[in-house]
Amino acid sequence: MNRYRILIVDDEQAIRDALKEWLEMNGYEVTVAMGAEDVIWLSDWQWQGFDCIVTGIHQPGLNGLNFTSLVKSCEGPPVVVMTGYQPEESGQSLASLVQRHL
């Protein structure tokens, strides 16, 4: 049986640890990174080693939306973007923020 490989990219250790534990309990192979800057050096073929990437939007340095754009430009795997924050007061919806980076 092939196990799906998931890359978790988030600056919050508690989130990384909880996601990693839950995904591994459900049979996934998980790699974690503390932020997008830890994995942007991956070459195109290395992205293909992952079936999915899970990342947070709000991170120091390269944020999750810009990271998603980078992965897409390298024809990397699908990216799941998550956040616990509400959209900015500008009234812009979260969906419109994400859509600009897809």
PDB file of N, CA and C in Angstrom:
ATOM      1  N   MET A   1       0.830  -1.178   0.000  1.00  0.00           N
ATOM      2  CA  MET A   1       0.000   0.000   0.000  1.00  0.00           C
ATOM      3  C   MET A   1       0.882   1.251   0.000  1.00  0.00           C
ATOM      4  N   ASN A   2       0.648   2.156  -0.947  1.00  0.00           N
ATOM      5  CA  ASN A   2       1.366   3.419  -0.966  1.00  0.00           C
ATOM      6  C   ASN A   2       0.790   4.359   0.073  1.00  0.00           C
ATOM      7  N   ARG A   3       1.673   5.017   0.801  1.00  0.00           N
ATOM      8  CA  ARG A   3       1.236   6.014   1.766  1.00  0.00           C
ATOM      9  C   ARG A   3       1.353   7.382   1.124  1.00  0.00           C
ATOM     10  N   TYR A   4       0.360   8.210   1.326  1.00  0.00           N
ATOM     11  CA  TYR A   4       0.425   9.570   0.823  1.00  0.00           C
ATOM     12  C   TYR A   4       1.447  10.357   1.631  1.00  0.00           C
ATOM     13  N   ARG A   5       2.211  11.205   0.938  1.00  0.00           N
ATOM     14  CA  ARG A   5       3.229  12.036   1.586  1.00  0.00           C
ATOM     15  C   ARG A   5       2.725  13.466   1.660  1.00  0.00           C
ATOM     16  N   ILE A   6       2.669  13.991   2.878  1.00  0.00           N
ATOM     17  CA  ILE A   6       2.171  15.337   3.137  1.00  0.00           C
ATOM     18  C   ILE A   6       3.305  16.182   3.703  1.00  0.00           C
ATOM     19  N   LEU A   7       3.455  17.398   3.181  1.00  0.00           N
ATOM     20  CA  LEU A   7       4.399  18.367   3.715  1.00  0.00           C
ATOM     21  C   LEU A   7       3.614  19.430   4.464  1.00  0.00           C
ATOM     22  N   ILE A   8       3.913  19.616   5.749  1.00  0.00           N
ATOM     23  CA  ILE A   8       3.285  20.653   6.568  1.00  0.00           C
ATOM     24  C   ILE A   8       4.280  21.798   6.700  1.00  0.00           C
ATOM     25  N   VAL A   9       3.847  22.994   6.312  1.00  0.00           N
ATOM     26  CA  VAL A   9       4.692  24.188   6.397  1.00  0.00           C
ATOM     27  C   VAL A   9       3.958  25.212   7.250  1.00  0.00           C
ATOM     28  N   ASP A  10       4.429  25.407   8.483  1.00  0.00           N
ATOM     29  CA  ASP A  10       3.788  26.365   9.376  1.00  0.00           C
ATOM     30  C   ASP A  10       4.780  26.813  10.434  1.00  0.00           C
ATOM     31  N   ASP A  11       4.694  28.071  10.821  1.00  0.00           N
ATOM     32  CA  ASP A  11       5.634  28.615  11.799  1.00  0.00           C
ATOM     33  C   ASP A  11       5.255  28.290  13.234  1.00  0.00           C
ATOM     34  N   GLU A  12       4.050  27.807  13.477  1.00  0.00           N
ATOM     35  CA  GLU A  12       3.614  27.499  14.841  1.00  0.00           C
ATOM     36  C   GLU A  12       3.801  26.015  15.143  1.00  0.00           C
ATOM     37  N   GLN A  13       4.677  25.732  16.099  1.00  0.00           N
ATOM     38  CA  GLN A  13       5.014  24.358  16.427  1.00  0.00           C
ATOM     39  C   GLN A  13       3.809  23.547  16.871  1.00  0.00           C
ATOM     40  N   ALA A  14       2.928  24.143  17.663  1.00  0.00           N
ATOM     41  CA  ALA A  14       1.752  23.403  18.147  1.00  0.00           C
ATOM     42  C   ALA A  14       0.885  22.939  16.982  1.00  0.00           C
ATOM     43  N   ILE A  15       0.744  23.776  15.969  1.00  0.00           N
ATOM     44  CA  ILE A  15      -0.043  23.398  14.786  1.00  0.00           C
ATOM     45  C   ILE A  15       0.660  22.299  14.019  1.00  0.00           C
ATOM     46  N   ARG A  16       1.969  22.466  13.788  1.00  0.00           N
ATOM     47  CA  ARG A  16       2.735  21.422  13.086  1.00  0.00           C
ATOM     48  C   ARG A  16       2.612  20.090  13.804  1.00  0.00           C
ATOM     49  N   ASP A  17       2.812  20.107  15.106  1.00  0.00           N
ATOM     50  CA  ASP A  17       2.793  18.866  15.885  1.00  0.00           C
ATOM     51  C   ASP A  17       1.417  18.202  15.858  1.00  0.00           C
ATOM     52  N   ALA A  18       0.358  19.004  16.030  1.00  0.00           N
ATOM     53  CA  ALA A  18      -1.000  18.436  16.049  1.00  0.00           C
ATOM     54  C   ALA A  18      -1.365  17.845  14.685  1.00  0.00           C
ATOM     55  N   LEU A  19      -1.082  18.580  13.614  1.00  0.00           N
ATOM     56  CA  LEU A  19      -1.380  18.060  12.275  1.00  0.00           C
ATOM     57  C   LEU A  19      -0.574  16.807  11.973  1.00  0.00           C
ATOM     58  N   LYS A  20       0.700  16.848  12.318  1.00  0.00           N
ATOM     59  CA  LYS A  20       1.573  15.696  12.065  1.00  0.00           C
ATOM     60  C   LYS A  20       1.048  14.463  12.789  1.00  0.00           C
ATOM     61  N   GLU A  21       0.727  14.617  14.065  1.00  0.00           N
ATOM     62  CA  GLU A  21       0.231  13.485  14.852  1.00  0.00           C
ATOM     63  C   GLU A  21      -1.058  12.921  14.254  1.00  0.00           C
ATOM     64  N   TRP A  22      -1.999  13.807  13.930  1.00  0.00           N
ATOM     65  CA  TRP A  22      -3.285  13.360  13.397  1.00  0.00           C
ATOM     66  C   TRP A  22      -3.114  12.670  12.050  1.00  0.00           C
ATOM     67  N   LEU A  23      -2.309  13.261  11.168  1.00  0.00           N
ATOM     68  CA  LEU A  23      -2.112  12.667   9.841  1.00  0.00           C
ATOM     69  C   LEU A  23      -1.395  11.322   9.934  1.00  0.00           C
ATOM     70  N   GLU A  24      -0.387  11.217  10.787  1.00  0.00           N
ATOM     71  CA  GLU A  24       0.324   9.944  10.939  1.00  0.00           C
ATOM     72  C   GLU A  24      -0.593   8.872  11.532  1.00  0.00           C
ATOM     73  N   MET A  25      -1.455   9.254  12.470  1.00  0.00           N
ATOM     74  CA  MET A  25      -2.405   8.291  13.035  1.00  0.00           C
ATOM     75  C   MET A  25      -3.360   7.765  11.960  1.00  0.00           C
ATOM     76  N   ASN A  26      -3.542   8.550  10.919  1.00  0.00           N
ATOM     77  CA  ASN A  26      -4.437   8.164   9.829  1.00  0.00           C
ATOM     78  C   ASN A  26      -3.690   7.617   8.622  1.00  0.00           C
ATOM     79  N   GLY A  27      -2.433   7.231   8.816  1.00  0.00           N
ATOM     80  CA  GLY A  27      -1.690   6.507   7.796  1.00  0.00           C
ATOM     81  C   GLY A  27      -0.894   7.326   6.808  1.00  0.00           C
ATOM     82  N   TYR A  28      -0.773   8.637   7.017  1.00  0.00           N
ATOM     83  CA  TYR A  28      -0.007   9.472   6.096  1.00  0.00           C
ATOM     84  C   TYR A  28       1.451   9.555   6.525  1.00  0.00           C
ATOM     85  N   GLU A  29       2.330   9.707   5.558  1.00  0.00           N
ATOM     86  CA  GLU A  29       3.736   9.983   5.829  1.00  0.00           C
ATOM     87  C   GLU A  29       3.889  11.493   5.835  1.00  0.00           C
ATOM     88  N   VAL A  30       4.441  12.046   6.907  1.00  0.00           N
ATOM     89  CA  VAL A  30       4.444  13.497   7.089  1.00  0.00           C
ATOM     90  C   VAL A  30       5.863  14.036   7.260  1.00  0.00           C
ATOM     91  N   THR A  31       6.122  15.139   6.557  1.00  0.00           N
ATOM     92  CA  THR A  31       7.347  15.912   6.723  1.00  0.00           C
ATOM     93  C   THR A  31       6.919  17.294   7.179  1.00  0.00           C
ATOM     94  N   VAL A  32       7.653  17.887   8.118  1.00  0.00           N
ATOM     95  CA  VAL A  32       7.299  19.219   8.604  1.00  0.00           C
ATOM     96  C   VAL A  32       8.427  20.204   8.336  1.00  0.00           C
ATOM     97  N   ALA A  33       8.034  21.471   8.144  1.00  0.00           N
ATOM     98  CA  ALA A  33       8.984  22.567   7.987  1.00  0.00           C
ATOM     99  C   ALA A  33       8.468  23.748   8.798  1.00  0.00           C
ATOM    100  N   MET A  34       9.388  24.537   9.374  1.00  0.00           N
ATOM    101  CA  MET A  34       9.014  25.649  10.229  1.00  0.00           C
ATOM    102  C   MET A  34       8.532  26.863   9.447  1.00  0.00           C
ATOM    103  N   GLY A  35       8.711  26.875   8.152  1.00  0.00           N
ATOM    104  CA  GLY A  35       8.258  27.993   7.337  1.00  0.00           C
ATOM    105  C   GLY A  35       8.594  27.758   5.886  1.00  0.00           C
ATOM    106  N   ALA A  36       8.007  28.565   5.032  1.00  0.00           N
ATOM    107  CA  ALA A  36       8.209  28.412   3.593  1.00  0.00           C
ATOM    108  C   ALA A  36       9.687  28.551   3.206  1.00  0.00           C
ATOM    109  N   GLU A  37      10.385  29.410   3.902  1.00  0.00           N
ATOM    110  CA  GLU A  37      11.797  29.627   3.575  1.00  0.00           C
ATOM    111  C   GLU A  37      12.652  28.391   3.831  1.00  0.00           C
ATOM    112  N   ASP A  38      12.140  27.456   4.617  1.00  0.00           N
ATOM    113  CA  ASP A  38      12.862  26.202   4.856  1.00  0.00           C
ATOM    114  C   ASP A  38      12.742  25.226   3.693  1.00  0.00           C
ATOM    115  N   VAL A  39      11.768  25.445   2.805  1.00  0.00           N
ATOM    116  CA  VAL A  39      11.541  24.476   1.722  1.00  0.00           C
ATOM    117  C   VAL A  39      11.574  25.071   0.319  1.00  0.00           C
ATOM    118  N   ILE A  40      11.745  26.388   0.181  1.00  0.00           N
ATOM    119  CA  ILE A  40      11.721  26.974  -1.160  1.00  0.00           C
ATOM    120  C   ILE A  40      12.903  26.541  -2.011  1.00  0.00           C
ATOM    121  N   TRP A  41      13.914  25.993  -1.404  1.00  0.00           N
ATOM    122  CA  TRP A  41      15.087  25.523  -2.151  1.00  0.00           C
ATOM    123  C   TRP A  41      14.822  24.205  -2.868  1.00  0.00           C
ATOM    124  N   LEU A  42      13.706  23.554  -2.583  1.00  0.00           N
ATOM    125  CA  LEU A  42      13.412  22.274  -3.240  1.00  0.00           C
ATOM    126  C   LEU A  42      13.309  22.465  -4.744  1.00  0.00           C
ATOM    127  N   SER A  43      13.882  21.557  -5.487  1.00  0.00           N
ATOM    128  CA  SER A  43      13.790  21.635  -6.942  1.00  0.00           C
ATOM    129  C   SER A  43      12.454  21.072  -7.414  1.00  0.00           C
ATOM    130  N   ASP A  44      12.121  21.323  -8.672  1.00  0.00           N
ATOM    131  CA  ASP A  44      10.839  20.877  -9.231  1.00  0.00           C
ATOM    132  C   ASP A  44      10.590  19.391  -8.988  1.00  0.00           C
ATOM    133  N   TRP A  45      11.605  18.565  -9.205  1.00  0.00           N
ATOM    134  CA  TRP A  45      11.391  17.123  -9.060  1.00  0.00           C
ATOM    135  C   TRP A  45      11.177  16.737  -7.608  1.00  0.00           C
ATOM    136  N   GLN A  46      11.735  17.501  -6.662  1.00  0.00           N
ATOM    137  CA  GLN A  46      11.533  17.175  -5.248  1.00  0.00           C
ATOM    138  C   GLN A  46      10.114  17.492  -4.797  1.00  0.00           C
ATOM    139  N   TRP A  47       9.489  18.523  -5.397  1.00  0.00           N
ATOM    140  CA  TRP A  47       8.098  18.818  -5.075  1.00  0.00           C
ATOM    141  C   TRP A  47       7.225  17.616  -5.397  1.00  0.00           C
ATOM    142  N   GLN A  48       7.589  16.902  -6.443  1.00  0.00           N
ATOM    143  CA  GLN A  48       6.772  15.771  -6.884  1.00  0.00           C
ATOM    144  C   GLN A  48       6.793  14.615  -5.887  1.00  0.00           C
ATOM    145  N   GLY A  49       7.684  14.651  -4.921  1.00  0.00           N
ATOM    146  CA  GLY A  49       7.719  13.620  -3.891  1.00  0.00           C
ATOM    147  C   GLY A  49       6.600  13.744  -2.876  1.00  0.00           C
ATOM    148  N   PHE A  50       5.887  14.868  -2.902  1.00  0.00           N
ATOM    149  CA  PHE A  50       4.779  15.088  -1.971  1.00  0.00           C
ATOM    150  C   PHE A  50       3.463  15.020  -2.723  1.00  0.00           C
ATOM    151  N   ASP A  51       2.465  14.458  -2.061  1.00  0.00           N
ATOM    152  CA  ASP A  51       1.126  14.393  -2.647  1.00  0.00           C
ATOM    153  C   ASP A  51       0.315  15.648  -2.340  1.00  0.00           C
ATOM    154  N   CYS A  52       0.693  16.341  -1.270  1.00  0.00           N
ATOM    155  CA  CYS A  52      -0.044  17.531  -0.859  1.00  0.00           C
ATOM    156  C   CYS A  52       0.827  18.345   0.100  1.00  0.00           C
ATOM    157  N   ILE A  53       0.618  19.657   0.094  1.00  0.00           N
ATOM    158  CA  ILE A  53       1.276  20.550   1.047  1.00  0.00           C
ATOM    159  C   ILE A  53       0.189  21.258   1.835  1.00  0.00           C
ATOM    160  N   VAL A  54       0.371  21.351   3.144  1.00  0.00           N
ATOM    161  CA  VAL A  54      -0.544  22.091   4.015  1.00  0.00           C
ATOM    162  C   VAL A  54       0.253  23.249   4.596  1.00  0.00           C
ATOM    163  N   THR A  55      -0.250  24.471   4.429  1.00  0.00           N
ATOM    164  CA  THR A  55       0.475  25.638   4.918  1.00  0.00           C
ATOM    165  C   THR A  55      -0.473  26.659   5.512  1.00  0.00           C
ATOM    166  N   GLY A  56       0.052  27.453   6.417  1.00  0.00           N
ATOM    167  CA  GLY A  56      -0.714  28.553   6.983  1.00  0.00           C
ATOM    168  C   GLY A  56      -0.520  29.811   6.155  1.00  0.00           C
ATOM    169  N   ILE A  57      -1.494  30.695   6.195  1.00  0.00           N
ATOM    170  CA  ILE A  57      -1.387  31.953   5.440  1.00  0.00           C
ATOM    171  C   ILE A  57      -0.411  32.906   6.110  1.00  0.00           C
ATOM    172  N   HIS A  58      -0.597  33.147   7.397  1.00  0.00           N
ATOM    173  CA  HIS A  58       0.177  34.162   8.107  1.00  0.00           C
ATOM    174  C   HIS A  58       1.434  33.543   8.700  1.00  0.00           C
ATOM    175  N   GLN A  59       2.562  33.844   8.048  1.00  0.00           N
ATOM    176  CA  GLN A  59       3.854  33.360   8.516  1.00  0.00           C
ATOM    177  C   GLN A  59       4.878  34.467   8.301  1.00  0.00           C
ATOM    178  N   PRO A  60       5.906  34.503   9.136  1.00  0.00           N
ATOM    179  CA  PRO A  60       6.963  35.488   8.906  1.00  0.00           C
ATOM    180  C   PRO A  60       7.736  35.146   7.627  1.00  0.00           C
ATOM    181  N   GLY A  61       8.315  36.145   7.023  1.00  0.00           N
ATOM    182  CA  GLY A  61       9.051  35.899   5.781  1.00  0.00           C
ATOM    183  C   GLY A  61       8.094  35.683   4.631  1.00  0.00           C
ATOM    184  N   LEU A  62       8.287  34.612   3.903  1.00  0.00           N
ATOM    185  CA  LEU A  62       7.432  34.276   2.763  1.00  0.00           C
ATOM    186  C   LEU A  62       6.107  33.731   3.294  1.00  0.00           C
ATOM    187  N   ASN A  63       5.025  34.491   3.119  1.00  0.00           N
ATOM    188  CA  ASN A  63       3.748  34.048   3.683  1.00  0.00           C
ATOM    189  C   ASN A  63       3.161  32.895   2.873  1.00  0.00           C
ATOM    190  N   GLY A  64       2.125  32.297   3.419  1.00  0.00           N
ATOM    191  CA  GLY A  64       1.541  31.111   2.812  1.00  0.00           C
ATOM    192  C   GLY A  64       0.966  31.324   1.422  1.00  0.00           C
ATOM    193  N   LEU A  65       0.425  32.510   1.164  1.00  0.00           N
ATOM    194  CA  LEU A  65      -0.137  32.773  -0.160  1.00  0.00           C
ATOM    195  C   LEU A  65       0.955  32.892  -1.216  1.00  0.00           C
ATOM    196  N   ASN A  66       2.025  33.610  -0.889  1.00  0.00           N
ATOM    197  CA  ASN A  66       3.138  33.713  -1.838  1.00  0.00           C
ATOM    198  C   ASN A  66       3.823  32.360  -2.017  1.00  0.00           C
ATOM    199  N   PHE A  67       3.896  31.592  -0.947  1.00  0.00           N
ATOM    200  CA  PHE A  67       4.453  30.248  -1.033  1.00  0.00           C
ATOM    201  C   PHE A  67       3.605  29.375  -1.958  1.00  0.00           C
ATOM    202  N   THR A  68       2.285  29.493  -1.845  1.00  0.00           N
ATOM    203  CA  THR A  68       1.379  28.747  -2.717  1.00  0.00           C
ATOM    204  C   THR A  68       1.625  29.097  -4.182  1.00  0.00           C
ATOM    205  N   SER A  69       1.798  30.379  -4.466  1.00  0.00           N
ATOM    206  CA  SER A  69       2.093  30.811  -5.837  1.00  0.00           C
ATOM    207  C   SER A  69       3.394  30.201  -6.334  1.00  0.00           C
ATOM    208  N   LEU A  70       4.398  30.159  -5.467  1.00  0.00           N
ATOM    209  CA  LEU A  70       5.684  29.571  -5.842  1.00  0.00           C
ATOM    210  C   LEU A  70       5.539  28.090  -6.162  1.00  0.00           C
ATOM    211  N   VAL A  71       4.836  27.369  -5.328  1.00  0.00           N
ATOM    212  CA  VAL A  71       4.629  25.931  -5.554  1.00  0.00           C
ATOM    213  C   VAL A  71       3.907  25.712  -6.877  1.00  0.00           C
ATOM    214  N   LYS A  72       2.891  26.521  -7.117  1.00  0.00           N
ATOM    215  CA  LYS A  72       2.136  26.388  -8.367  1.00  0.00           C
ATOM    216  C   LYS A  72       3.021  26.666  -9.571  1.00  0.00           C
ATOM    217  N   SER A  73       3.887  27.672  -9.489  1.00  0.00           N
ATOM    218  CA  SER A  73       4.764  28.006 -10.620  1.00  0.00           C
ATOM    219  C   SER A  73       5.767  26.894 -10.903  1.00  0.00           C
ATOM    220  N   CYS A  74       6.062  26.076  -9.905  1.00  0.00           N
ATOM    221  CA  CYS A  74       6.979  24.933 -10.076  1.00  0.00           C
ATOM    222  C   CYS A  74       6.216  23.656 -10.417  1.00  0.00           C
ATOM    223  N   GLU A  75       4.911  23.796 -10.655  1.00  0.00           N
ATOM    224  CA  GLU A  75       4.051  22.648 -10.926  1.00  0.00           C
ATOM    225  C   GLU A  75       4.131  21.614  -9.806  1.00  0.00           C
ATOM    226  N   GLY A  76       4.139  22.140  -8.581  1.00  0.00           N
ATOM    227  CA  GLY A  76       4.193  21.284  -7.409  1.00  0.00           C
ATOM    228  C   GLY A  76       2.833  20.682  -7.101  1.00  0.00           C
ATOM    229  N   PRO A  77       2.746  19.981  -5.992  1.00  0.00           N
ATOM    230  CA  PRO A  77       1.503  19.301  -5.606  1.00  0.00           C
ATOM    231  C   PRO A  77       0.433  20.302  -5.168  1.00  0.00           C
ATOM    232  N   PRO A  78      -0.794  19.830  -4.996  1.00  0.00           N
ATOM    233  CA  PRO A  78      -1.850  20.709  -4.482  1.00  0.00           C
ATOM    234  C   PRO A  78      -1.476  21.254  -3.108  1.00  0.00           C
ATOM    235  N   VAL A  79      -1.937  22.470  -2.830  1.00  0.00           N
ATOM    236  CA  VAL A  79      -1.657  23.125  -1.551  1.00  0.00           C
ATOM    237  C   VAL A  79      -2.970  23.410  -0.834  1.00  0.00           C
ATOM    238  N   VAL A  80      -3.031  23.017   0.433  1.00  0.00           N
ATOM    239  CA  VAL A  80      -4.152  23.361   1.296  1.00  0.00           C
ATOM    240  C   VAL A  80      -3.681  24.521   2.159  1.00  0.00           C
ATOM    241  N   VAL A  81      -4.395  25.655   2.055  1.00  0.00           N
ATOM    242  CA  VAL A  81      -4.034  26.851   2.811  1.00  0.00           C
ATOM    243  C   VAL A  81      -4.995  26.979   3.979  1.00  0.00           C
ATOM    244  N   MET A  82      -4.435  27.184   5.180  1.00  0.00           N
ATOM    245  CA  MET A  82      -5.287  27.272   6.374  1.00  0.00           C
ATOM    246  C   MET A  82      -4.966  28.543   7.141  1.00  0.00           C
ATOM    247  N   THR A  83      -5.929  28.990   7.911  1.00  0.00           N
ATOM    248  CA  THR A  83      -5.708  30.143   8.779  1.00  0.00           C
ATOM    249  C   THR A  83      -6.690  30.108   9.937  1.00  0.00           C
ATOM    250  N   GLY A  84      -6.265  30.664  11.035  1.00  0.00           N
ATOM    251  CA  GLY A  84      -7.141  30.834  12.183  1.00  0.00           C
ATOM    252  C   GLY A  84      -7.538  32.297  12.338  1.00  0.00           C
ATOM    253  N   TYR A  85      -7.070  33.140  11.404  1.00  0.00           N
ATOM    254  CA  TYR A  85      -7.329  34.569  11.460  1.00  0.00           C
ATOM    255  C   TYR A  85      -8.526  34.952  10.607  1.00  0.00           C
ATOM    256  N   GLN A  86      -9.152  36.060  10.983  1.00  0.00           N
ATOM    257  CA  GLN A  86     -10.209  36.647  10.179  1.00  0.00           C
ATOM    258  C   GLN A  86      -9.556  37.514   9.100  1.00  0.00           C
ATOM    259  N   PRO A  87     -10.219  37.698   7.952  1.00  0.00           N
ATOM    260  CA  PRO A  87      -9.674  38.596   6.929  1.00  0.00           C
ATOM    261  C   PRO A  87      -9.455  39.997   7.489  1.00  0.00           C
ATOM    262  N   GLU A  88      -8.578  40.746   6.867  1.00  0.00           N
ATOM    263  CA  GLU A  88      -8.288  42.115   7.282  1.00  0.00           C
ATOM    264  C   GLU A  88      -9.562  42.951   7.275  1.00  0.00           C
ATOM    265  N   GLU A  89      -9.517  44.066   7.933  1.00  0.00           N
ATOM    266  CA  GLU A  89     -10.687  44.934   8.025  1.00  0.00           C
ATOM    267  C   GLU A  89     -11.066  45.569   6.701  1.00  0.00           C
ATOM    268  N   SER A  90     -10.278  45.345   5.666  1.00  0.00           N
ATOM    269  CA  SER A  90     -10.564  45.959   4.368  1.00  0.00           C
ATOM    270  C   SER A  90     -11.850  45.426   3.754  1.00  0.00           C
ATOM    271  N   GLY A  91     -12.428  44.390   4.350  1.00  0.00           N
ATOM    272  CA  GLY A  91     -13.642  43.822   3.811  1.00  0.00           C
ATOM    273  C   GLY A  91     -13.373  42.781   2.743  1.00  0.00           C
ATOM    274  N   GLN A  92     -12.117  42.545   2.465  1.00  0.00           N
ATOM    275  CA  GLN A  92     -11.752  41.570   1.441  1.00  0.00           C
ATOM    276  C   GLN A  92     -11.978  40.167   1.991  1.00  0.00           C
ATOM    277  N   SER A  93     -12.640  39.326   1.227  1.00  0.00           N
ATOM    278  CA  SER A  93     -12.904  37.974   1.697  1.00  0.00           C
ATOM    279  C   SER A  93     -11.648  37.124   1.599  1.00  0.00           C
ATOM    280  N   LEU A  94     -11.564  36.129   2.437  1.00  0.00           N
ATOM    281  CA  LEU A  94     -10.445  35.202   2.406  1.00  0.00           C
ATOM    282  C   LEU A  94     -10.354  34.526   1.045  1.00  0.00           C
ATOM    283  N   ALA A  95     -11.490  34.176   0.479  1.00  0.00           N
ATOM    284  CA  ALA A  95     -11.494  33.521  -0.836  1.00  0.00           C
ATOM    285  C   ALA A  95     -10.865  34.411  -1.885  1.00  0.00           C
ATOM    286  N   SER A  96     -11.130  35.703  -1.863  1.00  0.00           N
ATOM    287  CA  SER A  96     -10.541  36.584  -2.872  1.00  0.00           C
ATOM    288  C   SER A  96      -9.046  36.736  -2.655  1.00  0.00           C
ATOM    289  N   LEU A  97      -8.602  36.724  -1.412  1.00  0.00           N
ATOM    290  CA  LEU A  97      -7.163  36.778  -1.136  1.00  0.00           C
ATOM    291  C   LEU A  97      -6.457  35.563  -1.741  1.00  0.00           C
ATOM    292  N   VAL A  98      -7.032  34.385  -1.505  1.00  0.00           N
ATOM    293  CA  VAL A  98      -6.429  33.145  -1.994  1.00  0.00           C
ATOM    294  C   VAL A  98      -6.504  33.087  -3.516  1.00  0.00           C
ATOM    295  N   GLN A  99      -7.615  33.486  -4.089  1.00  0.00           N
ATOM    296  CA  GLN A  99      -7.815  33.398  -5.535  1.00  0.00           C
ATOM    297  C   GLN A  99      -6.741  34.160  -6.299  1.00  0.00           C
ATOM    298  N   ARG A 100      -6.289  35.282  -5.778  1.00  0.00           N
ATOM    299  CA  ARG A 100      -5.254  36.072  -6.454  1.00  0.00           C
ATOM    300  C   ARG A 100      -3.948  35.302  -6.581  1.00  0.00           C
ATOM    301  N   HIS A 101      -3.728  34.306  -5.735  1.00  0.00           N
ATOM    302  CA  HIS A 101      -2.468  33.583  -5.729  1.00  0.00           C
ATOM    303  C   HIS A 101      -2.565  32.227  -6.419  1.00  0.00           C
ATOM    304  N   LEU A 102      -3.694  31.911  -6.990  1.00  0.00           N
ATOM    305  CA  LEU A 102      -3.846  30.615  -7.653  1.00  0.00           C
ATOM    306  C   LEU A 102      -3.630  30.714  -9.138  1.00  0.00           C
TER     307      LEU A 102
END
